[in-house]
Amino acid sequence: MRAVNDVLDRLRTALQGARSRRADRHAHAICPVDSWAFTPLYTGGQCPLCGWQPDGYVYAPPLLTPFERYWGAMGAIAAVSLLMLVVVVVAVTHR
């Protein structure tokens, strides 16, 4: 029963994080040190000039932050290449 509760808690926190990420796109802050306006979502939750962090703001990085597009593109190219190889082999062997 405890495992089920742990899974439900993880799902709740994931949903809350997704909701906060959606709201974070529109969140703006003004640094009191240098009067710089910034969006904490895109600056790691802190002022890009001095490092000040807004009170009450919890930084939640986007879901695909660790995903690099380069490796996704390389995987897609590899998959298409394998598909073309299979098509060529089938076409050559079925004359």
PDB file of N, CA and C in Angstrom:
ATOM      1  N   MET A   1       0.822  -1.196   0.000  1.00  0.00           N
ATOM      2  CA  MET A   1       0.000   0.000   0.000  1.00  0.00           C
ATOM      3  C   MET A   1       0.867   1.260   0.000  1.00  0.00           C
ATOM      4  N   ARG A   2       2.016   1.164   0.658  1.00  0.00           N
ATOM      5  CA  ARG A   2       2.900   2.320   0.708  1.00  0.00           C
ATOM      6  C   ARG A   2       3.483   2.627  -0.670  1.00  0.00           C
ATOM      7  N   ALA A   3       3.758   1.594  -1.440  1.00  0.00           N
ATOM      8  CA  ALA A   3       4.289   1.794  -2.791  1.00  0.00           C
ATOM      9  C   ALA A   3       3.279   2.539  -3.663  1.00  0.00           C
ATOM     10  N   VAL A   4       2.018   2.200  -3.508  1.00  0.00           N
ATOM     11  CA  VAL A   4       0.968   2.881  -4.274  1.00  0.00           C
ATOM     12  C   VAL A   4       0.910   4.354  -3.880  1.00  0.00           C
ATOM     13  N   ASN A   5       0.999   4.635  -2.588  1.00  0.00           N
ATOM     14  CA  ASN A   5       0.984   6.023  -2.122  1.00  0.00           C
ATOM     15  C   ASN A   5       2.196   6.789  -2.650  1.00  0.00           C
ATOM     16  N   ASP A   6       3.355   6.134  -2.701  1.00  0.00           N
ATOM     17  CA  ASP A   6       4.557   6.785  -3.233  1.00  0.00           C
ATOM     18  C   ASP A   6       4.384   7.131  -4.712  1.00  0.00           C
ATOM     19  N   VAL A   7       3.805   6.200  -5.455  1.00  0.00           N
ATOM     20  CA  VAL A   7       3.577   6.451  -6.883  1.00  0.00           C
ATOM     21  C   VAL A   7       2.591   7.598  -7.068  1.00  0.00           C
ATOM     22  N   LEU A   8       1.523   7.610  -6.280  1.00  0.00           N
ATOM     23  CA  LEU A   8       0.544   8.693  -6.372  1.00  0.00           C
ATOM     24  C   LEU A   8       1.159  10.041  -5.998  1.00  0.00           C
ATOM     25  N   ASP A   9       2.020  10.047  -4.984  1.00  0.00           N
ATOM     26  CA  ASP A   9       2.693  11.292  -4.603  1.00  0.00           C
ATOM     27  C   ASP A   9       3.591  11.794  -5.728  1.00  0.00           C
ATOM     28  N   ARG A  10       4.299  10.888  -6.377  1.00  0.00           N
ATOM     29  CA  ARG A  10       5.150  11.288  -7.496  1.00  0.00           C
ATOM     30  C   ARG A  10       4.327  11.850  -8.645  1.00  0.00           C
ATOM     31  N   LEU A  11       3.185  11.228  -8.917  1.00  0.00           N
ATOM     32  CA  LEU A  11       2.310  11.737  -9.977  1.00  0.00           C
ATOM     33  C   LEU A  11       1.772  13.121  -9.637  1.00  0.00           C
ATOM     34  N   ARG A  12       1.397  13.315  -8.368  1.00  0.00           N
ATOM     35  CA  ARG A  12       0.893  14.630  -7.949  1.00  0.00           C
ATOM     36  C   ARG A  12       1.966  15.708  -8.112  1.00  0.00           C
ATOM     37  N   THR A  13       3.186  15.410  -7.688  1.00  0.00           N
ATOM     38  CA  THR A  13       4.259  16.403  -7.816  1.00  0.00           C
ATOM     39  C   THR A  13       4.588  16.660  -9.281  1.00  0.00           C
ATOM     40  N   ALA A  14       4.526  15.627 -10.123  1.00  0.00           N
ATOM     41  CA  ALA A  14       4.777  15.825 -11.554  1.00  0.00           C
ATOM     42  C   ALA A  14       3.708  16.716 -12.174  1.00  0.00           C
ATOM     43  N   LEU A  15       2.449  16.501 -11.791  1.00  0.00           N
ATOM     44  CA  LEU A  15       1.368  17.337 -12.314  1.00  0.00           C
ATOM     45  C   LEU A  15       1.491  18.775 -11.830  1.00  0.00           C
ATOM     46  N   GLN A  16       1.854  18.941 -10.565  1.00  0.00           N
ATOM     47  CA  GLN A  16       2.024  20.297 -10.047  1.00  0.00           C
ATOM     48  C   GLN A  16       3.187  20.987 -10.744  1.00  0.00           C
ATOM     49  N   GLY A  17       4.253  20.246 -11.014  1.00  0.00           N
ATOM     50  CA  GLY A  17       5.388  20.818 -11.732  1.00  0.00           C
ATOM     51  C   GLY A  17       5.013  21.215 -13.138  1.00  0.00           C
ATOM     52  N   ALA A  18       4.198  20.384 -13.815  1.00  0.00           N
ATOM     53  CA  ALA A  18       3.758  20.719 -15.173  1.00  0.00           C
ATOM     54  C   ALA A  18       2.884  21.966 -15.160  1.00  0.00           C
ATOM     55  N   ARG A  19       2.002  22.071 -14.177  1.00  0.00           N
ATOM     56  CA  ARG A  19       1.151  23.264 -14.079  1.00  0.00           C
ATOM     57  C   ARG A  19       1.978  24.511 -13.800  1.00  0.00           C
ATOM     58  N   SER A  20       2.968  24.389 -12.910  1.00  0.00           N
ATOM     59  CA  SER A  20       3.784  25.554 -12.587  1.00  0.00           C
ATOM     60  C   SER A  20       4.653  25.948 -13.772  1.00  0.00           C
ATOM     61  N   ARG A  21       5.115  24.975 -14.577  1.00  0.00           N
ATOM     62  CA  ARG A  21       5.903  25.304 -15.762  1.00  0.00           C
ATOM     63  C   ARG A  21       5.070  26.120 -16.747  1.00  0.00           C
ATOM     64  N   ARG A  22       3.794  25.743 -16.891  1.00  0.00           N
ATOM     65  CA  ARG A  22       2.912  26.464 -17.792  1.00  0.00           C
ATOM     66  C   ARG A  22       2.742  27.910 -17.319  1.00  0.00           C
ATOM     67  N   ALA A  23       2.600  28.101 -16.025  1.00  0.00           N
ATOM     68  CA  ALA A  23       2.437  29.444 -15.471  1.00  0.00           C
ATOM     69  C   ALA A  23       3.752  30.218 -15.491  1.00  0.00           C
ATOM     70  N   ASP A  24       4.885  29.508 -15.421  1.00  0.00           N
ATOM     71  CA  ASP A  24       6.186  30.168 -15.382  1.00  0.00           C
ATOM     72  C   ASP A  24       6.522  30.913 -16.663  1.00  0.00           C
ATOM     73  N   ARG A  25       5.951  30.521 -17.769  1.00  0.00           N
ATOM     74  CA  ARG A  25       6.252  31.193 -19.034  1.00  0.00           C
ATOM     75  C   ARG A  25       5.865  32.657 -18.980  1.00  0.00           C
ATOM     76  N   HIS A  26       4.870  32.980 -18.173  1.00  0.00           N
ATOM     77  CA  HIS A  26       4.381  34.350 -18.100  1.00  0.00           C
ATOM     78  C   HIS A  26       4.853  35.070 -16.847  1.00  0.00           C
ATOM     79  N   ALA A  27       5.609  34.395 -15.992  1.00  0.00           N
ATOM     80  CA  ALA A  27       6.080  35.017 -14.753  1.00  0.00           C
ATOM     81  C   ALA A  27       7.268  35.936 -15.050  1.00  0.00           C
ATOM     82  N   HIS A  28       7.185  37.153 -14.574  1.00  0.00           N
ATOM     83  CA  HIS A  28       8.270  38.118 -14.734  1.00  0.00           C
ATOM     84  C   HIS A  28       8.683  38.615 -13.361  1.00  0.00           C
ATOM     85  N   ALA A  29       9.937  38.967 -13.238  1.00  0.00           N
ATOM     86  CA  ALA A  29      10.439  39.529 -11.985  1.00  0.00           C
ATOM     87  C   ALA A  29      11.334  40.714 -12.310  1.00  0.00           C
ATOM     88  N   ILE A  30      11.419  41.648 -11.379  1.00  0.00           N
ATOM     89  CA  ILE A  30      12.303  42.803 -11.525  1.00  0.00           C
ATOM     90  C   ILE A  30      13.294  42.758 -10.378  1.00  0.00           C
ATOM     91  N   CYS A  31      14.551  42.708 -10.716  1.00  0.00           N
ATOM     92  CA  CYS A  31      15.607  42.628  -9.703  1.00  0.00           C
ATOM     93  C   CYS A  31      15.704  43.956  -8.952  1.00  0.00           C
ATOM     94  N   PRO A  32      15.667  43.918  -7.608  1.00  0.00           N
ATOM     95  CA  PRO A  32      15.767  45.177  -6.847  1.00  0.00           C
ATOM     96  C   PRO A  32      17.188  45.736  -6.849  1.00  0.00           C
ATOM     97  N   VAL A  33      18.170  44.918  -7.160  1.00  0.00           N
ATOM     98  CA  VAL A  33      19.561  45.375  -7.125  1.00  0.00           C
ATOM     99  C   VAL A  33      19.885  46.229  -8.349  1.00  0.00           C
ATOM    100  N   ASP A  34      19.531  45.733  -9.547  1.00  0.00           N
ATOM    101  CA  ASP A  34      19.896  46.448 -10.766  1.00  0.00           C
ATOM    102  C   ASP A  34      18.705  46.833 -11.634  1.00  0.00           C
ATOM    103  N   SER A  35      17.469  46.662 -11.139  1.00  0.00           N
ATOM    104  CA  SER A  35      16.229  47.024 -11.837  1.00  0.00           C
ATOM    105  C   SER A  35      16.102  46.353 -13.202  1.00  0.00           C
ATOM    106  N   TRP A  36      16.579  45.134 -13.307  1.00  0.00           N
ATOM    107  CA  TRP A  36      16.524  44.386 -14.559  1.00  0.00           C
ATOM    108  C   TRP A  36      15.281  43.498 -14.547  1.00  0.00           C
ATOM    109  N   ALA A  37      14.447  43.595 -15.577  1.00  0.00           N
ATOM    110  CA  ALA A  37      13.265  42.742 -15.700  1.00  0.00           C
ATOM    111  C   ALA A  37      13.668  41.464 -16.436  1.00  0.00           C
ATOM    112  N   PHE A  38      13.258  40.318 -15.900  1.00  0.00           N
ATOM    113  CA  PHE A  38      13.628  39.038 -16.510  1.00  0.00           C
ATOM    114  C   PHE A  38      12.546  38.011 -16.238  1.00  0.00           C
ATOM    115  N   THR A  39      12.579  36.923 -17.003  1.00  0.00           N
ATOM    116  CA  THR A  39      11.671  35.791 -16.827  1.00  0.00           C
ATOM    117  C   THR A  39      12.461  34.677 -16.153  1.00  0.00           C
ATOM    118  N   PRO A  40      12.158  34.327 -14.905  1.00  0.00           N
ATOM    119  CA  PRO A  40      12.954  33.353 -14.164  1.00  0.00           C
ATOM    120  C   PRO A  40      13.035  31.980 -14.829  1.00  0.00           C
ATOM    121  N   LEU A  41      12.024  31.585 -15.601  1.00  0.00           N
ATOM    122  CA  LEU A  41      12.055  30.279 -16.243  1.00  0.00           C
ATOM    123  C   LEU A  41      13.246  30.154 -17.185  1.00  0.00           C
ATOM    124  N   TYR A  42      13.565  31.227 -17.891  1.00  0.00           N
ATOM    125  CA  TYR A  42      14.623  31.165 -18.891  1.00  0.00           C
ATOM    126  C   TYR A  42      15.997  31.526 -18.346  1.00  0.00           C
ATOM    127  N   THR A  43      16.067  31.950 -17.099  1.00  0.00           N
ATOM    128  CA  THR A  43      17.361  32.325 -16.524  1.00  0.00           C
ATOM    129  C   THR A  43      17.748  31.454 -15.336  1.00  0.00           C
ATOM    130  N   GLY A  44      17.124  30.296 -15.200  1.00  0.00           N
ATOM    131  CA  GLY A  44      17.469  29.393 -14.097  1.00  0.00           C
ATOM    132  C   GLY A  44      16.910  29.833 -12.764  1.00  0.00           C
ATOM    133  N   GLY A  45      15.906  30.691 -12.753  1.00  0.00           N
ATOM    134  CA  GLY A  45      15.268  31.122 -11.515  1.00  0.00           C
ATOM    135  C   GLY A  45      15.979  32.251 -10.812  1.00  0.00           C
ATOM    136  N   GLN A  46      16.924  32.899 -11.485  1.00  0.00           N
ATOM    137  CA  GLN A  46      17.649  33.989 -10.840  1.00  0.00           C
ATOM    138  C   GLN A  46      17.958  35.096 -11.842  1.00  0.00           C
ATOM    139  N   CYS A  47      18.334  36.246 -11.319  1.00  0.00           N
ATOM    140  CA  CYS A  47      18.676  37.383 -12.165  1.00  0.00           C
ATOM    141  C   CYS A  47      19.945  37.056 -12.949  1.00  0.00           C
ATOM    142  N   PRO A  48      19.951  37.288 -14.259  1.00  0.00           N
ATOM    143  CA  PRO A  48      21.131  36.948 -15.045  1.00  0.00           C
ATOM    144  C   PRO A  48      22.322  37.871 -14.792  1.00  0.00           C
ATOM    145  N   LEU A  49      22.087  39.029 -14.181  1.00  0.00           N
ATOM    146  CA  LEU A  49      23.185  39.965 -13.948  1.00  0.00           C
ATOM    147  C   LEU A  49      23.847  39.788 -12.589  1.00  0.00           C
ATOM    148  N   CYS A  50      23.031  39.642 -11.545  1.00  0.00           N
ATOM    149  CA  CYS A  50      23.624  39.600 -10.192  1.00  0.00           C
ATOM    150  C   CYS A  50      23.344  38.306  -9.435  1.00  0.00           C
ATOM    151  N   GLY A  51      22.399  37.473  -9.909  1.00  0.00           N
ATOM    152  CA  GLY A  51      22.116  36.216  -9.237  1.00  0.00           C
ATOM    153  C   GLY A  51      21.009  36.280  -8.192  1.00  0.00           C
ATOM    154  N   TRP A  52      20.337  37.419  -8.072  1.00  0.00           N
ATOM    155  CA  TRP A  52      19.242  37.555  -7.108  1.00  0.00           C
ATOM    156  C   TRP A  52      18.110  36.603  -7.493  1.00  0.00           C
ATOM    157  N   GLN A  53      17.505  35.964  -6.475  1.00  0.00           N
ATOM    158  CA  GLN A  53      16.398  35.041  -6.709  1.00  0.00           C
ATOM    159  C   GLN A  53      15.113  35.624  -6.125  1.00  0.00           C
ATOM    160  N   PRO A  54      14.022  35.608  -6.910  1.00  0.00           N
ATOM    161  CA  PRO A  54      12.756  36.143  -6.396  1.00  0.00           C
ATOM    162  C   PRO A  54      12.219  35.299  -5.246  1.00  0.00           C
ATOM    163  N   ASP A  55      11.622  35.961  -4.270  1.00  0.00           N
ATOM    164  CA  ASP A  55      11.024  35.253  -3.136  1.00  0.00           C
ATOM    165  C   ASP A  55       9.774  34.503  -3.585  1.00  0.00           C
ATOM    166  N   GLY A  56       9.621  33.282  -3.126  1.00  0.00           N
ATOM    167  CA  GLY A  56       8.431  32.493  -3.424  1.00  0.00           C
ATOM    168  C   GLY A  56       8.426  31.839  -4.785  1.00  0.00           C
ATOM    169  N   TYR A  57       9.473  32.019  -5.560  1.00  0.00           N
ATOM    170  CA  TYR A  57       9.526  31.398  -6.890  1.00  0.00           C
ATOM    171  C   TYR A  57      10.324  30.103  -6.800  1.00  0.00           C
ATOM    172  N   VAL A  58       9.716  29.025  -7.251  1.00  0.00           N
ATOM    173  CA  VAL A  58      10.385  27.729  -7.266  1.00  0.00           C
ATOM    174  C   VAL A  58      10.715  27.412  -8.714  1.00  0.00           C
ATOM    175  N   TYR A  59      11.994  27.303  -9.009  1.00  0.00           N
ATOM    176  CA  TYR A  59      12.421  27.029 -10.377  1.00  0.00           C
ATOM    177  C   TYR A  59      12.198  25.563 -10.700  1.00  0.00           C
ATOM    178  N   ALA A  60      11.419  25.296 -11.747  1.00  0.00           N
ATOM    179  CA  ALA A  60      11.187  23.942 -12.240  1.00  0.00           C
ATOM    180  C   ALA A  60      11.584  23.926 -13.707  1.00  0.00           C
ATOM    181  N   PRO A  61      12.705  23.289 -14.046  1.00  0.00           N
ATOM    182  CA  PRO A  61      13.136  23.307 -15.443  1.00  0.00           C
ATOM    183  C   PRO A  61      12.138  22.590 -16.336  1.00  0.00           C
ATOM    184  N   PRO A  62      12.075  22.965 -17.604  1.00  0.00           N
ATOM    185  CA  PRO A  62      11.168  22.290 -18.533  1.00  0.00           C
ATOM    186  C   PRO A  62      11.461  20.796 -18.617  1.00  0.00           C
ATOM    187  N   LEU A  63      10.464  20.031 -19.038  1.00  0.00           N
ATOM    188  CA  LEU A  63      10.602  18.573 -19.058  1.00  0.00           C
ATOM    189  C   LEU A  63      11.731  18.090 -19.949  1.00  0.00           C
ATOM    190  N   LEU A  64      11.943  18.711 -21.078  1.00  0.00           N
ATOM    191  CA  LEU A  64      12.941  18.227 -22.029  1.00  0.00           C
ATOM    192  C   LEU A  64      14.268  18.979 -21.943  1.00  0.00           C
ATOM    193  N   THR A  65      14.562  19.584 -20.817  1.00  0.00           N
ATOM    194  CA  THR A  65      15.806  20.324 -20.680  1.00  0.00           C
ATOM    195  C   THR A  65      17.033  19.459 -20.921  1.00  0.00           C
ATOM    196  N   PRO A  66      17.117  18.255 -20.345  1.00  0.00           N
ATOM    197  CA  PRO A  66      18.337  17.484 -20.574  1.00  0.00           C
ATOM    198  C   PRO A  66      18.429  16.895 -21.978  1.00  0.00           C
ATOM    199  N   PHE A  67      17.369  16.966 -22.763  1.00  0.00           N
ATOM    200  CA  PHE A  67      17.362  16.390 -24.098  1.00  0.00           C
ATOM    201  C   PHE A  67      18.043  17.336 -25.072  1.00  0.00           C
ATOM    202  N   GLU A  68      19.079  16.851 -25.743  1.00  0.00           N
ATOM    203  CA  GLU A  68      19.753  17.659 -26.745  1.00  0.00           C
ATOM    204  C   GLU A  68      19.193  17.306 -28.115  1.00  0.00           C
ATOM    205  N   ARG A  69      18.866  18.301 -28.896  1.00  0.00           N
ATOM    206  CA  ARG A  69      18.261  18.068 -30.205  1.00  0.00           C
ATOM    207  C   ARG A  69      19.219  17.354 -31.150  1.00  0.00           C
ATOM    208  N   TYR A  70      20.506  17.538 -30.964  1.00  0.00           N
ATOM    209  CA  TYR A  70      21.479  16.901 -31.836  1.00  0.00           C
ATOM    210  C   TYR A  70      21.321  15.388 -31.803  1.00  0.00           C
ATOM    211  N   TRP A  71      21.253  14.822 -30.601  1.00  0.00           N
ATOM    212  CA  TRP A  71      21.158  13.361 -30.497  1.00  0.00           C
ATOM    213  C   TRP A  71      19.805  12.852 -30.980  1.00  0.00           C
ATOM    214  N   GLY A  72      18.770  13.633 -30.820  1.00  0.00           N
ATOM    215  CA  GLY A  72      17.477  13.247 -31.369  1.00  0.00           C
ATOM    216  C   GLY A  72      17.505  13.221 -32.889  1.00  0.00           C
ATOM    217  N   ALA A  73      18.145  14.223 -33.483  1.00  0.00           N
ATOM    218  CA  ALA A  73      18.270  14.257 -34.941  1.00  0.00           C
ATOM    219  C   ALA A  73      19.140  13.106 -35.440  1.00  0.00           C
ATOM    220  N   MET A  74      20.205  12.812 -34.733  1.00  0.00           N
ATOM    221  CA  MET A  74      21.068  11.684 -35.133  1.00  0.00           C
ATOM    222  C   MET A  74      20.301  10.371 -35.052  1.00  0.00           C
ATOM    223  N   GLY A  75      19.489  10.200 -34.037  1.00  0.00           N
ATOM    224  CA  GLY A  75      18.671   8.992 -33.920  1.00  0.00           C
ATOM    225  C   GLY A  75      17.662   8.883 -35.052  1.00  0.00           C
ATOM    226  N   ALA A  76      17.059  10.007 -35.419  1.00  0.00           N
ATOM    227  CA  ALA A  76      16.091  10.000 -36.519  1.00  0.00           C
ATOM    228  C   ALA A  76      16.774   9.666 -37.837  1.00  0.00           C
ATOM    229  N   ILE A  77      17.951  10.224 -38.077  1.00  0.00           N
ATOM    230  CA  ILE A  77      18.699   9.915 -39.297  1.00  0.00           C
ATOM    231  C   ILE A  77      19.084   8.448 -39.332  1.00  0.00           C
ATOM    232  N   ALA A  78      19.512   7.913 -38.196  1.00  0.00           N
ATOM    233  CA  ALA A  78      19.873   6.490 -38.138  1.00  0.00           C
ATOM    234  C   ALA A  78      18.656   5.606 -38.403  1.00  0.00           C
ATOM    235  N   ALA A  79      17.505   5.970 -37.847  1.00  0.00           N
ATOM    236  CA  ALA A  79      16.291   5.169 -38.063  1.00  0.00           C
ATOM    237  C   ALA A  79      15.875   5.199 -39.531  1.00  0.00           C
ATOM    238  N   VAL A  80      15.932   6.367 -40.167  1.00  0.00           N
ATOM    239  CA  VAL A  80      15.567   6.480 -41.578  1.00  0.00           C
ATOM    240  C   VAL A  80      16.563   5.701 -42.437  1.00  0.00           C
ATOM    241  N   SER A  81      17.846   5.743 -42.074  1.00  0.00           N
ATOM    242  CA  SER A  81      18.857   4.993 -42.821  1.00  0.00           C
ATOM    243  C   SER A  81      18.600   3.493 -42.725  1.00  0.00           C
ATOM    244  N   LEU A  82      18.262   3.005 -41.545  1.00  0.00           N
ATOM    245  CA  LEU A  82      17.958   1.579 -41.398  1.00  0.00           C
ATOM    246  C   LEU A  82      16.713   1.194 -42.194  1.00  0.00           C
ATOM    247  N   LEU A  83      15.718   2.067 -42.191  1.00  0.00           N
ATOM    248  CA  LEU A  83      14.514   1.805 -42.969  1.00  0.00           C
ATOM    249  C   LEU A  83      14.834   1.732 -44.459  1.00  0.00           C
ATOM    250  N   MET A  84      15.651   2.643 -44.943  1.00  0.00           N
ATOM    251  CA  MET A  84      16.043   2.605 -46.352  1.00  0.00           C
ATOM    252  C   MET A  84      16.843   1.349 -46.676  1.00  0.00           C
ATOM    253  N   LEU A  85      17.697   0.908 -45.755  1.00  0.00           N
ATOM    254  CA  LEU A  85      18.460  -0.317 -45.954  1.00  0.00           C
ATOM    255  C   LEU A  85      17.525  -1.513 -46.099  1.00  0.00           C
ATOM    256  N   VAL A  86      16.519  -1.588 -45.245  1.00  0.00           N
ATOM    257  CA  VAL A  86      15.562  -2.697 -45.312  1.00  0.00           C
ATOM    258  C   VAL A  86      14.801  -2.653 -46.632  1.00  0.00           C
ATOM    259  N   VAL A  87      14.378  -1.479 -47.070  1.00  0.00           N
ATOM    260  CA  VAL A  87      13.653  -1.352 -48.335  1.00  0.00           C
ATOM    261  C   VAL A  87      14.529  -1.788 -49.502  1.00  0.00           C
ATOM    262  N   VAL A  88      15.784  -1.393 -49.518  1.00  0.00           N
ATOM    263  CA  VAL A  88      16.694  -1.766 -50.605  1.00  0.00           C
ATOM    264  C   VAL A  88      16.926  -3.270 -50.596  1.00  0.00           C
ATOM    265  N   VAL A  89      17.166  -3.872 -49.449  1.00  0.00           N
ATOM    266  CA  VAL A  89      17.411  -5.310 -49.371  1.00  0.00           C
ATOM    267  C   VAL A  89      16.174  -6.079 -49.842  1.00  0.00           C
ATOM    268  N   VAL A  90      15.003  -5.654 -49.427  1.00  0.00           N
ATOM    269  CA  VAL A  90      13.772  -6.340 -49.855  1.00  0.00           C
ATOM    270  C   VAL A  90      13.578  -6.176 -51.359  1.00  0.00           C
ATOM    271  N   ALA A  91      13.852  -4.993 -51.904  1.00  0.00           N
ATOM    272  CA  ALA A  91      13.679  -4.747 -53.336  1.00  0.00           C
ATOM    273  C   ALA A  91      14.651  -5.577 -54.161  1.00  0.00           C
ATOM    274  N   VAL A  92      15.884  -5.735 -53.696  1.00  0.00           N
ATOM    275  CA  VAL A  92      16.899  -6.481 -54.440  1.00  0.00           C
ATOM    276  C   VAL A  92      16.626  -7.986 -54.377  1.00  0.00           C
ATOM    277  N   THR A  93      16.192  -8.470 -53.254  1.00  0.00           N
ATOM    278  CA  THR A  93      15.983  -9.919 -53.092  1.00  0.00           C
ATOM    279  C   THR A  93      14.680 -10.408 -53.702  1.00  0.00           C
ATOM    280  N   HIS A  94      13.749  -9.556 -54.009  1.00  0.00           N
ATOM    281  CA  HIS A  94      12.456  -9.977 -54.568  1.00  0.00           C
ATOM    282  C   HIS A  94      12.340  -9.600 -56.044  1.00  0.00           C
ATOM    283  N   ARG A  95      13.274 -10.005 -56.855  1.00  0.00           N
ATOM    284  CA  ARG A  95      13.217  -9.722 -58.294  1.00  0.00           C
ATOM    285  C   ARG A  95      12.423 -10.755 -59.006  1.00  0.00           C
TER     286      ARG A  95
END
